[in-house]
Amino acid sequence: MQGNFSVTVAKDYLQFSAAHFITMKGHQCESLHGHNYRVGIRVDGDLEPEPLWVVDFSLLKDIARPLVKAVDHKVLLPSASNKLALRVDGEQVAVSVLGEPRYVFPLRDCAILPIENSTAEVLARYLAEQVRTALAQRGVVHLSALELEVEESPGQTAVYRLNLTAGGKPQAG
């Protein structure tokens, strides 16, 4: 069945608390601070013929829960930053910013992510890509778009949208 349908999952348990800092010299958010983040996922697509749904809500929740849990109560460290150097030494992570030693964290308290910076926008992109991959691995490839929002505090939300082609892959362009 063709159409323009969307489904959204934004449950209370799709929240996480995390510490981070952004790498903009002199910016007020350069210092370590935290947020109580909220995640919402929206997918667009045609209805599947048999159940007449875009995607099972339960599947989206099952994919999102472990992604949120992996960053909950962690320090978010972007491993792809050209301004940070992360050195794991046993059970510790040493963080240098612009060549200057800044922090040492217990490894168990860190989420080292393959991102450039821990802004809400980049977190939204990272999580959206994780959701897209998980959906494709489960055979959900008929979607036309996937949108993921990360709210870092009430009224401050970043949204990343992936326009998808057949096969669930991002469109070129």
N, C-alpha and C. Protein backbone atom coordinates (compact mmCIF):
# COMPACT_ATOMS: atom_id res chain seq x y z
N MET A 1 0.85 -1.17 0.00
CA MET A 1 0.00 0.00 0.00
C MET A 1 0.90 1.24 0.00
N GLN A 2 0.69 2.08 -0.96
CA GLN A 2 1.48 3.31 -1.08
C GLN A 2 0.86 4.41 -0.23
N GLY A 3 1.70 5.32 0.20
CA GLY A 3 1.19 6.43 0.97
C GLY A 3 2.32 7.18 1.63
N ASN A 4 1.96 8.20 2.35
CA ASN A 4 2.91 9.02 3.06
C ASN A 4 2.64 8.84 4.55
N PHE A 5 3.31 7.87 5.15
CA PHE A 5 3.08 7.54 6.54
C PHE A 5 4.35 7.77 7.36
N SER A 6 4.16 8.11 8.63
CA SER A 6 5.25 8.25 9.58
C SER A 6 4.85 7.62 10.89
N VAL A 7 5.83 7.06 11.59
CA VAL A 7 5.62 6.62 12.96
C VAL A 7 6.75 7.19 13.81
N THR A 8 6.41 7.49 15.05
CA THR A 8 7.38 8.10 15.96
C THR A 8 7.38 7.35 17.28
N VAL A 9 8.58 7.18 17.82
CA VAL A 9 8.74 6.61 19.15
C VAL A 9 9.56 7.62 19.96
N ALA A 10 8.99 8.08 21.06
CA ALA A 10 9.66 9.02 21.98
C ALA A 10 9.17 8.71 23.38
N LYS A 11 9.62 7.60 23.92
CA LYS A 11 9.15 7.11 25.21
C LYS A 11 9.95 7.72 26.36
N ASP A 12 9.35 7.73 27.54
CA ASP A 12 10.03 8.25 28.73
C ASP A 12 11.35 7.55 29.01
N TYR A 13 11.43 6.26 28.72
CA TYR A 13 12.66 5.51 29.00
C TYR A 13 13.72 5.69 27.93
N LEU A 14 13.45 6.46 26.90
CA LEU A 14 14.48 6.76 25.90
C LEU A 14 15.17 8.07 26.28
N GLN A 15 15.65 8.09 27.51
CA GLN A 15 16.36 9.24 28.05
C GLN A 15 17.69 8.76 28.60
N PHE A 16 18.66 9.66 28.62
CA PHE A 16 19.93 9.33 29.25
C PHE A 16 20.55 10.59 29.84
N SER A 17 21.29 10.38 30.89
CA SER A 17 22.04 11.47 31.52
C SER A 17 23.50 11.24 31.19
N ALA A 18 24.17 12.29 30.75
CA ALA A 18 25.58 12.14 30.37
C ALA A 18 26.30 13.46 30.54
N ALA A 19 27.61 13.33 30.74
CA ALA A 19 28.48 14.50 30.81
C ALA A 19 29.20 14.62 29.48
N HIS A 20 29.53 15.85 29.10
CA HIS A 20 30.29 16.07 27.88
C HIS A 20 30.90 17.47 27.94
N PHE A 21 31.70 17.75 26.97
CA PHE A 21 32.21 19.10 26.75
C PHE A 21 32.40 19.23 25.26
N ILE A 22 32.27 20.44 24.76
CA ILE A 22 32.48 20.63 23.33
C ILE A 22 33.85 21.28 23.15
N THR A 23 34.40 21.10 21.98
CA THR A 23 35.77 21.55 21.74
C THR A 23 35.79 22.84 20.94
N MET A 24 35.32 23.89 21.56
CA MET A 24 35.38 25.24 20.98
C MET A 24 36.08 26.11 22.00
N LYS A 25 37.32 26.42 21.75
CA LYS A 25 38.14 27.15 22.71
C LYS A 25 37.44 28.45 23.13
N GLY A 26 37.29 28.60 24.45
CA GLY A 26 36.70 29.80 24.99
C GLY A 26 35.18 29.79 25.10
N HIS A 27 34.50 28.80 24.55
CA HIS A 27 33.04 28.74 24.61
C HIS A 27 32.61 28.26 26.00
N GLN A 28 31.46 28.74 26.48
CA GLN A 28 31.00 28.37 27.81
C GLN A 28 30.78 26.87 27.96
N CYS A 29 30.51 26.15 26.88
CA CYS A 29 30.29 24.71 26.95
C CYS A 29 31.58 23.91 26.81
N GLU A 30 32.70 24.62 26.80
CA GLU A 30 33.98 23.92 26.73
C GLU A 30 34.25 23.15 28.01
N SER A 31 33.76 23.62 29.13
CA SER A 31 33.95 22.93 30.41
C SER A 31 33.04 21.71 30.49
N LEU A 32 33.49 20.73 31.24
CA LEU A 32 32.70 19.52 31.47
C LEU A 32 31.39 19.91 32.14
N HIS A 33 30.29 19.41 31.57
CA HIS A 33 28.95 19.65 32.12
C HIS A 33 28.05 18.52 31.68
N GLY A 34 26.82 18.49 32.14
CA GLY A 34 25.94 17.38 31.82
C GLY A 34 24.56 17.81 31.39
N HIS A 35 23.85 16.85 30.81
CA HIS A 35 22.48 17.05 30.37
C HIS A 35 21.65 15.81 30.67
N ASN A 36 20.37 16.00 30.75
CA ASN A 36 19.41 14.90 30.76
C ASN A 36 18.79 14.88 29.37
N TYR A 37 19.33 14.03 28.52
CA TYR A 37 18.94 13.96 27.12
C TYR A 37 17.67 13.12 26.95
N ARG A 38 16.95 13.42 25.89
CA ARG A 38 15.79 12.63 25.46
C ARG A 38 15.94 12.33 23.99
N VAL A 39 15.59 11.11 23.59
CA VAL A 39 15.73 10.68 22.20
C VAL A 39 14.35 10.36 21.63
N GLY A 40 14.12 10.80 20.41
CA GLY A 40 12.91 10.45 19.67
C GLY A 40 13.29 10.00 18.28
N ILE A 41 12.57 9.01 17.77
CA ILE A 41 12.84 8.46 16.43
C ILE A 41 11.57 8.52 15.61
N ARG A 42 11.72 8.98 14.38
CA ARG A 42 10.61 9.00 13.44
C ARG A 42 11.08 8.32 12.17
N VAL A 43 10.24 7.46 11.62
CA VAL A 43 10.53 6.86 10.31
C VAL A 43 9.35 7.10 9.39
N ASP A 44 9.67 7.33 8.12
CA ASP A 44 8.66 7.53 7.07
C ASP A 44 8.77 6.38 6.09
N GLY A 45 7.64 5.99 5.54
CA GLY A 45 7.67 4.95 4.52
C GLY A 45 6.27 4.49 4.16
N ASP A 46 6.25 3.59 3.20
CA ASP A 46 5.00 2.97 2.80
C ASP A 46 4.59 1.95 3.85
N LEU A 47 3.32 1.60 3.86
CA LEU A 47 2.84 0.55 4.75
C LEU A 47 3.27 -0.81 4.22
N GLU A 48 3.67 -1.67 5.13
CA GLU A 48 3.92 -3.06 4.75
C GLU A 48 2.57 -3.70 4.47
N PRO A 49 2.48 -4.57 3.46
CA PRO A 49 1.17 -5.08 3.04
C PRO A 49 0.42 -5.89 4.09
N GLU A 50 1.08 -6.76 4.82
CA GLU A 50 0.37 -7.65 5.74
C GLU A 50 -0.04 -6.97 7.04
N PRO A 51 0.87 -6.38 7.79
CA PRO A 51 0.39 -5.79 9.05
C PRO A 51 -0.19 -4.39 8.87
N LEU A 52 0.05 -3.78 7.71
CA LEU A 52 -0.39 -2.41 7.43
C LEU A 52 0.21 -1.42 8.43
N TRP A 53 1.52 -1.50 8.60
CA TRP A 53 2.26 -0.53 9.39
C TRP A 53 3.53 -0.15 8.68
N VAL A 54 4.09 0.97 9.04
CA VAL A 54 5.38 1.39 8.49
C VAL A 54 6.46 0.50 9.07
N VAL A 55 6.47 0.42 10.39
CA VAL A 55 7.39 -0.47 11.11
C VAL A 55 6.77 -0.72 12.48
N ASP A 56 7.05 -1.86 13.04
CA ASP A 56 6.55 -2.21 14.36
C ASP A 56 7.15 -1.27 15.41
N PHE A 57 6.31 -0.62 16.20
CA PHE A 57 6.79 0.24 17.27
C PHE A 57 7.77 -0.50 18.18
N SER A 58 7.45 -1.76 18.48
CA SER A 58 8.31 -2.55 19.37
C SER A 58 9.71 -2.70 18.82
N LEU A 59 9.84 -2.82 17.52
CA LEU A 59 11.17 -2.94 16.91
C LEU A 59 11.97 -1.66 17.12
N LEU A 60 11.36 -0.51 16.90
CA LEU A 60 12.06 0.75 17.12
C LEU A 60 12.49 0.89 18.59
N LYS A 61 11.61 0.52 19.50
CA LYS A 61 11.95 0.60 20.92
C LYS A 61 13.08 -0.37 21.27
N ASP A 62 13.03 -1.59 20.72
CA ASP A 62 14.07 -2.58 20.98
C ASP A 62 15.43 -2.14 20.45
N ILE A 63 15.44 -1.41 19.36
CA ILE A 63 16.69 -0.89 18.80
C ILE A 63 17.20 0.29 19.62
N ALA A 64 16.30 1.17 20.03
CA ALA A 64 16.71 2.40 20.71
C ALA A 64 17.18 2.17 22.15
N ARG A 65 16.55 1.24 22.86
CA ARG A 65 16.89 1.03 24.27
C ARG A 65 18.38 0.78 24.51
N PRO A 66 19.01 -0.17 23.82
CA PRO A 66 20.43 -0.40 24.09
C PRO A 66 21.33 0.77 23.67
N LEU A 67 20.92 1.52 22.66
CA LEU A 67 21.71 2.69 22.25
C LEU A 67 21.71 3.74 23.35
N VAL A 68 20.55 3.95 23.95
CA VAL A 68 20.43 4.91 25.05
C VAL A 68 21.17 4.40 26.28
N LYS A 69 21.00 3.12 26.57
CA LYS A 69 21.66 2.54 27.75
C LYS A 69 23.19 2.64 27.65
N ALA A 70 23.72 2.52 26.46
CA ALA A 70 25.18 2.54 26.26
C ALA A 70 25.81 3.89 26.61
N VAL A 71 25.03 4.95 26.59
CA VAL A 71 25.56 6.29 26.89
C VAL A 71 25.02 6.86 28.20
N ASP A 72 24.12 6.14 28.85
CA ASP A 72 23.52 6.64 30.08
C ASP A 72 24.52 6.64 31.23
N HIS A 73 24.59 7.76 31.93
CA HIS A 73 25.50 7.96 33.06
C HIS A 73 26.96 7.76 32.66
N LYS A 74 27.30 8.29 31.50
CA LYS A 74 28.67 8.20 30.97
C LYS A 74 29.18 9.59 30.65
N VAL A 75 30.49 9.67 30.48
CA VAL A 75 31.14 10.85 29.92
C VAL A 75 31.27 10.56 28.43
N LEU A 76 30.72 11.40 27.59
CA LEU A 76 30.75 11.20 26.14
C LEU A 76 32.07 11.75 25.59
N LEU A 77 32.85 10.86 24.99
CA LEU A 77 34.16 11.24 24.46
C LEU A 77 34.21 10.97 22.97
N PRO A 78 34.38 12.01 22.16
CA PRO A 78 34.44 11.85 20.70
C PRO A 78 35.83 11.41 20.22
N SER A 79 35.92 10.18 19.76
CA SER A 79 37.23 9.66 19.34
C SER A 79 37.68 10.17 17.97
N ALA A 80 36.77 10.75 17.19
CA ALA A 80 37.13 11.25 15.85
C ALA A 80 37.44 12.75 15.85
N SER A 81 37.57 13.33 17.02
CA SER A 81 37.87 14.76 17.11
C SER A 81 39.32 15.02 16.73
N ASN A 82 39.55 16.08 15.96
CA ASN A 82 40.92 16.47 15.66
C ASN A 82 41.49 17.41 16.73
N LYS A 83 40.69 17.69 17.76
CA LYS A 83 41.13 18.57 18.84
C LYS A 83 41.41 17.80 20.14
N LEU A 84 40.99 16.53 20.17
CA LEU A 84 41.17 15.71 21.36
C LEU A 84 42.13 14.57 21.08
N ALA A 85 42.83 14.17 22.11
CA ALA A 85 43.60 12.93 22.08
C ALA A 85 43.13 12.11 23.27
N LEU A 86 42.67 10.89 22.98
CA LEU A 86 42.22 9.98 24.02
C LEU A 86 43.25 8.87 24.15
N ARG A 87 43.66 8.60 25.37
CA ARG A 87 44.62 7.52 25.60
C ARG A 87 44.05 6.62 26.68
N VAL A 88 43.74 5.37 26.28
CA VAL A 88 43.26 4.39 27.24
C VAL A 88 44.47 3.71 27.83
N ASP A 89 44.56 3.77 29.16
CA ASP A 89 45.68 3.17 29.87
C ASP A 89 45.09 2.32 30.99
N GLY A 90 44.97 1.02 30.73
CA GLY A 90 44.35 0.14 31.70
C GLY A 90 42.89 0.48 31.87
N GLU A 91 42.53 0.89 33.06
CA GLU A 91 41.14 1.20 33.38
C GLU A 91 40.86 2.70 33.40
N GLN A 92 41.75 3.49 32.77
CA GLN A 92 41.57 4.93 32.74
C GLN A 92 41.64 5.45 31.31
N VAL A 93 40.99 6.59 31.11
CA VAL A 93 41.07 7.30 29.84
C VAL A 93 41.62 8.69 30.14
N ALA A 94 42.74 9.01 29.54
CA ALA A 94 43.32 10.35 29.67
C ALA A 94 42.91 11.15 28.44
N VAL A 95 42.45 12.36 28.66
CA VAL A 95 41.96 13.22 27.58
C VAL A 95 42.79 14.49 27.53
N SER A 96 43.39 14.73 26.37
CA SER A 96 44.09 15.99 26.13
C SER A 96 43.27 16.79 25.13
N VAL A 97 43.16 18.09 25.38
CA VAL A 97 42.42 18.98 24.50
C VAL A 97 43.41 19.99 23.93
N LEU A 98 43.49 20.02 22.60
CA LEU A 98 44.42 20.91 21.90
C LEU A 98 45.84 20.77 22.44
N GLY A 99 46.20 19.51 22.72
CA GLY A 99 47.55 19.19 23.18
C GLY A 99 47.80 19.36 24.66
N GLU A 100 46.84 19.86 25.40
CA GLU A 100 47.00 20.09 26.84
C GLU A 100 46.24 19.02 27.63
N PRO A 101 46.90 18.36 28.59
CA PRO A 101 46.17 17.38 29.43
C PRO A 101 45.02 18.08 30.15
N ARG A 102 43.85 17.43 30.16
CA ARG A 102 42.69 18.07 30.76
C ARG A 102 41.99 17.17 31.77
N TYR A 103 41.70 15.91 31.38
CA TYR A 103 40.91 15.04 32.23
C TYR A 103 41.50 13.63 32.26
N VAL A 104 41.21 12.91 33.36
CA VAL A 104 41.44 11.47 33.46
C VAL A 104 40.16 10.90 34.05
N PHE A 105 39.54 9.96 33.31
CA PHE A 105 38.28 9.36 33.73
C PHE A 105 38.45 7.85 33.89
N PRO A 106 37.66 7.24 34.78
CA PRO A 106 37.61 5.78 34.78
C PRO A 106 37.00 5.31 33.45
N LEU A 107 37.60 4.33 32.83
CA LEU A 107 37.12 3.83 31.54
C LEU A 107 35.67 3.38 31.63
N ARG A 108 35.29 2.76 32.73
CA ARG A 108 33.92 2.25 32.87
C ARG A 108 32.87 3.37 32.85
N ASP A 109 33.31 4.60 33.11
CA ASP A 109 32.39 5.73 33.13
C ASP A 109 32.34 6.49 31.81
N CYS A 110 33.00 5.96 30.79
CA CYS A 110 33.10 6.67 29.52
C CYS A 110 32.38 5.92 28.39
N ALA A 111 31.82 6.69 27.48
CA ALA A 111 31.32 6.17 26.20
C ALA A 111 32.19 6.83 25.13
N ILE A 112 33.12 6.04 24.59
CA ILE A 112 34.00 6.56 23.55
C ILE A 112 33.29 6.32 22.22
N LEU A 113 32.91 7.42 21.57
CA LEU A 113 32.07 7.36 20.37
C LEU A 113 32.85 7.80 19.14
N PRO A 114 32.61 7.17 17.99
CA PRO A 114 33.31 7.55 16.75
C PRO A 114 32.71 8.79 16.10
N ILE A 115 32.75 9.89 16.84
CA ILE A 115 32.17 11.15 16.38
C ILE A 115 33.21 12.25 16.53
N GLU A 116 32.95 13.41 15.89
CA GLU A 116 33.90 14.52 15.89
C GLU A 116 33.75 15.42 17.10
N ASN A 117 32.54 15.54 17.62
CA ASN A 117 32.28 16.40 18.76
C ASN A 117 30.99 15.89 19.41
N SER A 118 30.78 16.20 20.66
CA SER A 118 29.61 15.66 21.36
C SER A 118 28.47 16.66 21.43
N THR A 119 28.27 17.40 20.36
CA THR A 119 27.11 18.30 20.27
C THR A 119 25.84 17.47 20.08
N ALA A 120 24.71 18.05 20.39
CA ALA A 120 23.44 17.35 20.20
C ALA A 120 23.24 16.97 18.74
N GLU A 121 23.69 17.84 17.82
CA GLU A 121 23.53 17.56 16.39
C GLU A 121 24.32 16.31 15.98
N VAL A 122 25.55 16.23 16.44
CA VAL A 122 26.40 15.09 16.07
C VAL A 122 25.91 13.82 16.76
N LEU A 123 25.44 13.94 17.99
CA LEU A 123 24.86 12.78 18.67
C LEU A 123 23.62 12.28 17.92
N ALA A 124 22.80 13.20 17.43
CA ALA A 124 21.61 12.81 16.66
C ALA A 124 22.01 12.06 15.39
N ARG A 125 23.04 12.55 14.70
CA ARG A 125 23.50 11.86 13.48
C ARG A 125 24.03 10.47 13.82
N TYR A 126 24.87 10.39 14.84
CA TYR A 126 25.45 9.11 15.25
C TYR A 126 24.34 8.10 15.59
N LEU A 127 23.39 8.51 16.42
CA LEU A 127 22.33 7.59 16.81
C LEU A 127 21.44 7.21 15.63
N ALA A 128 21.16 8.17 14.74
CA ALA A 128 20.35 7.86 13.54
C ALA A 128 21.04 6.82 12.68
N GLU A 129 22.33 6.94 12.51
CA GLU A 129 23.07 5.95 11.71
C GLU A 129 23.05 4.58 12.37
N GLN A 130 23.11 4.55 13.70
CA GLN A 130 23.02 3.27 14.42
C GLN A 130 21.64 2.64 14.23
N VAL A 131 20.60 3.46 14.31
CA VAL A 131 19.24 2.96 14.11
C VAL A 131 19.06 2.45 12.68
N ARG A 132 19.54 3.21 11.69
CA ARG A 132 19.43 2.78 10.29
C ARG A 132 20.10 1.43 10.08
N THR A 133 21.30 1.27 10.61
CA THR A 133 22.02 0.01 10.47
C THR A 133 21.25 -1.13 11.12
N ALA A 134 20.74 -0.91 12.32
CA ALA A 134 20.00 -1.95 13.02
C ALA A 134 18.72 -2.33 12.28
N LEU A 135 18.03 -1.35 11.72
CA LEU A 135 16.82 -1.65 10.94
C LEU A 135 17.16 -2.48 9.71
N ALA A 136 18.21 -2.10 9.00
CA ALA A 136 18.62 -2.85 7.81
C ALA A 136 19.01 -4.27 8.17
N GLN A 137 19.70 -4.46 9.29
CA GLN A 137 20.09 -5.80 9.73
C GLN A 137 18.87 -6.66 10.03
N ARG A 138 17.76 -6.03 10.36
CA ARG A 138 16.52 -6.76 10.67
C ARG A 138 15.60 -6.83 9.45
N GLY A 139 16.12 -6.43 8.29
CA GLY A 139 15.36 -6.55 7.04
C GLY A 139 14.39 -5.43 6.76
N VAL A 140 14.44 -4.36 7.52
CA VAL A 140 13.54 -3.22 7.30
C VAL A 140 14.26 -2.27 6.34
N VAL A 141 13.94 -2.39 5.06
CA VAL A 141 14.65 -1.61 4.04
C VAL A 141 13.70 -0.82 3.14
N HIS A 142 12.44 -0.73 3.51
CA HIS A 142 11.45 -0.03 2.68
C HIS A 142 11.21 1.41 3.11
N LEU A 143 11.96 1.90 4.07
CA LEU A 143 11.71 3.24 4.60
C LEU A 143 12.22 4.32 3.65
N SER A 144 11.55 5.46 3.65
CA SER A 144 11.99 6.58 2.81
C SER A 144 12.79 7.60 3.60
N ALA A 145 12.62 7.63 4.93
CA ALA A 145 13.37 8.58 5.75
C ALA A 145 13.41 8.09 7.19
N LEU A 146 14.45 8.51 7.86
CA LEU A 146 14.61 8.26 9.29
C LEU A 146 15.05 9.57 9.91
N GLU A 147 14.40 9.95 10.97
CA GLU A 147 14.71 11.21 11.64
C GLU A 147 14.92 10.90 13.12
N LEU A 148 16.00 11.41 13.66
CA LEU A 148 16.27 11.19 15.07
C LEU A 148 16.52 12.52 15.74
N GLU A 149 15.87 12.72 16.89
CA GLU A 149 16.05 13.96 17.63
C GLU A 149 16.71 13.67 18.96
N VAL A 150 17.58 14.58 19.35
CA VAL A 150 18.21 14.54 20.65
C VAL A 150 17.90 15.87 21.33
N GLU A 151 17.14 15.79 22.40
CA GLU A 151 16.84 16.97 23.19
C GLU A 151 17.82 16.99 24.35
N GLU A 152 18.62 18.07 24.46
CA GLU A 152 19.59 18.12 25.55
C GLU A 152 19.03 18.81 26.78
N SER A 153 17.99 19.56 26.61
CA SER A 153 17.22 20.12 27.71
C SER A 153 15.90 20.59 27.11
N PRO A 154 14.88 20.75 27.94
CA PRO A 154 13.58 21.15 27.38
C PRO A 154 13.71 22.41 26.51
N GLY A 155 13.19 22.30 25.30
CA GLY A 155 13.22 23.42 24.37
C GLY A 155 14.48 23.54 23.54
N GLN A 156 15.43 22.62 23.71
CA GLN A 156 16.68 22.62 22.93
C GLN A 156 16.88 21.25 22.32
N THR A 157 16.50 21.12 21.05
CA THR A 157 16.50 19.83 20.37
C THR A 157 17.25 19.94 19.05
N ALA A 158 18.07 18.93 18.79
CA ALA A 158 18.73 18.80 17.49
C ALA A 158 18.11 17.62 16.76
N VAL A 159 17.88 17.78 15.47
CA VAL A 159 17.25 16.74 14.65
C VAL A 159 18.16 16.43 13.48
N TYR A 160 18.36 15.12 13.23
CA TYR A 160 19.11 14.68 12.06
C TYR A 160 18.18 13.82 11.22
N ARG A 161 18.12 14.11 9.93
CA ARG A 161 17.24 13.38 9.01
C ARG A 161 18.06 12.68 7.94
N LEU A 162 17.80 11.39 7.80
CA LEU A 162 18.40 10.60 6.72
C LEU A 162 17.31 10.33 5.69
N ASN A 163 17.48 10.82 4.47
CA ASN A 163 16.58 10.45 3.38
C ASN A 163 17.14 9.16 2.79
N LEU A 164 16.28 8.14 2.72
CA LEU A 164 16.72 6.81 2.35
C LEU A 164 16.23 6.41 0.97
N THR A 165 16.98 5.53 0.34
CA THR A 165 16.58 4.95 -0.94
C THR A 165 16.14 3.51 -0.67
N ALA A 166 15.76 2.81 -1.71
CA ALA A 166 15.44 1.40 -1.57
C ALA A 166 16.65 0.70 -0.98
N GLY A 167 16.42 -0.18 -0.06
CA GLY A 167 17.51 -0.87 0.61
C GLY A 167 17.87 -0.24 1.92
N GLY A 168 17.20 0.89 2.28
CA GLY A 168 17.43 1.53 3.55
C GLY A 168 18.72 2.33 3.64
N LYS A 169 19.35 2.60 2.48
CA LYS A 169 20.62 3.34 2.47
C LYS A 169 20.37 4.82 2.25
N PRO A 170 21.24 5.67 2.81
CA PRO A 170 21.07 7.12 2.60
C PRO A 170 21.15 7.48 1.12
N GLN A 171 20.34 8.45 0.71
CA GLN A 171 20.37 8.93 -0.66
C GLN A 171 21.63 9.75 -0.88
N ALA A 172 22.19 9.63 -2.04
CA ALA A 172 23.34 10.50 -2.41
C ALA A 172 22.79 11.89 -2.65
N GLY A 173 23.64 12.85 -2.42
CA GLY A 173 23.20 14.18 -2.76
C GLY A 173 23.61 15.13 -1.75
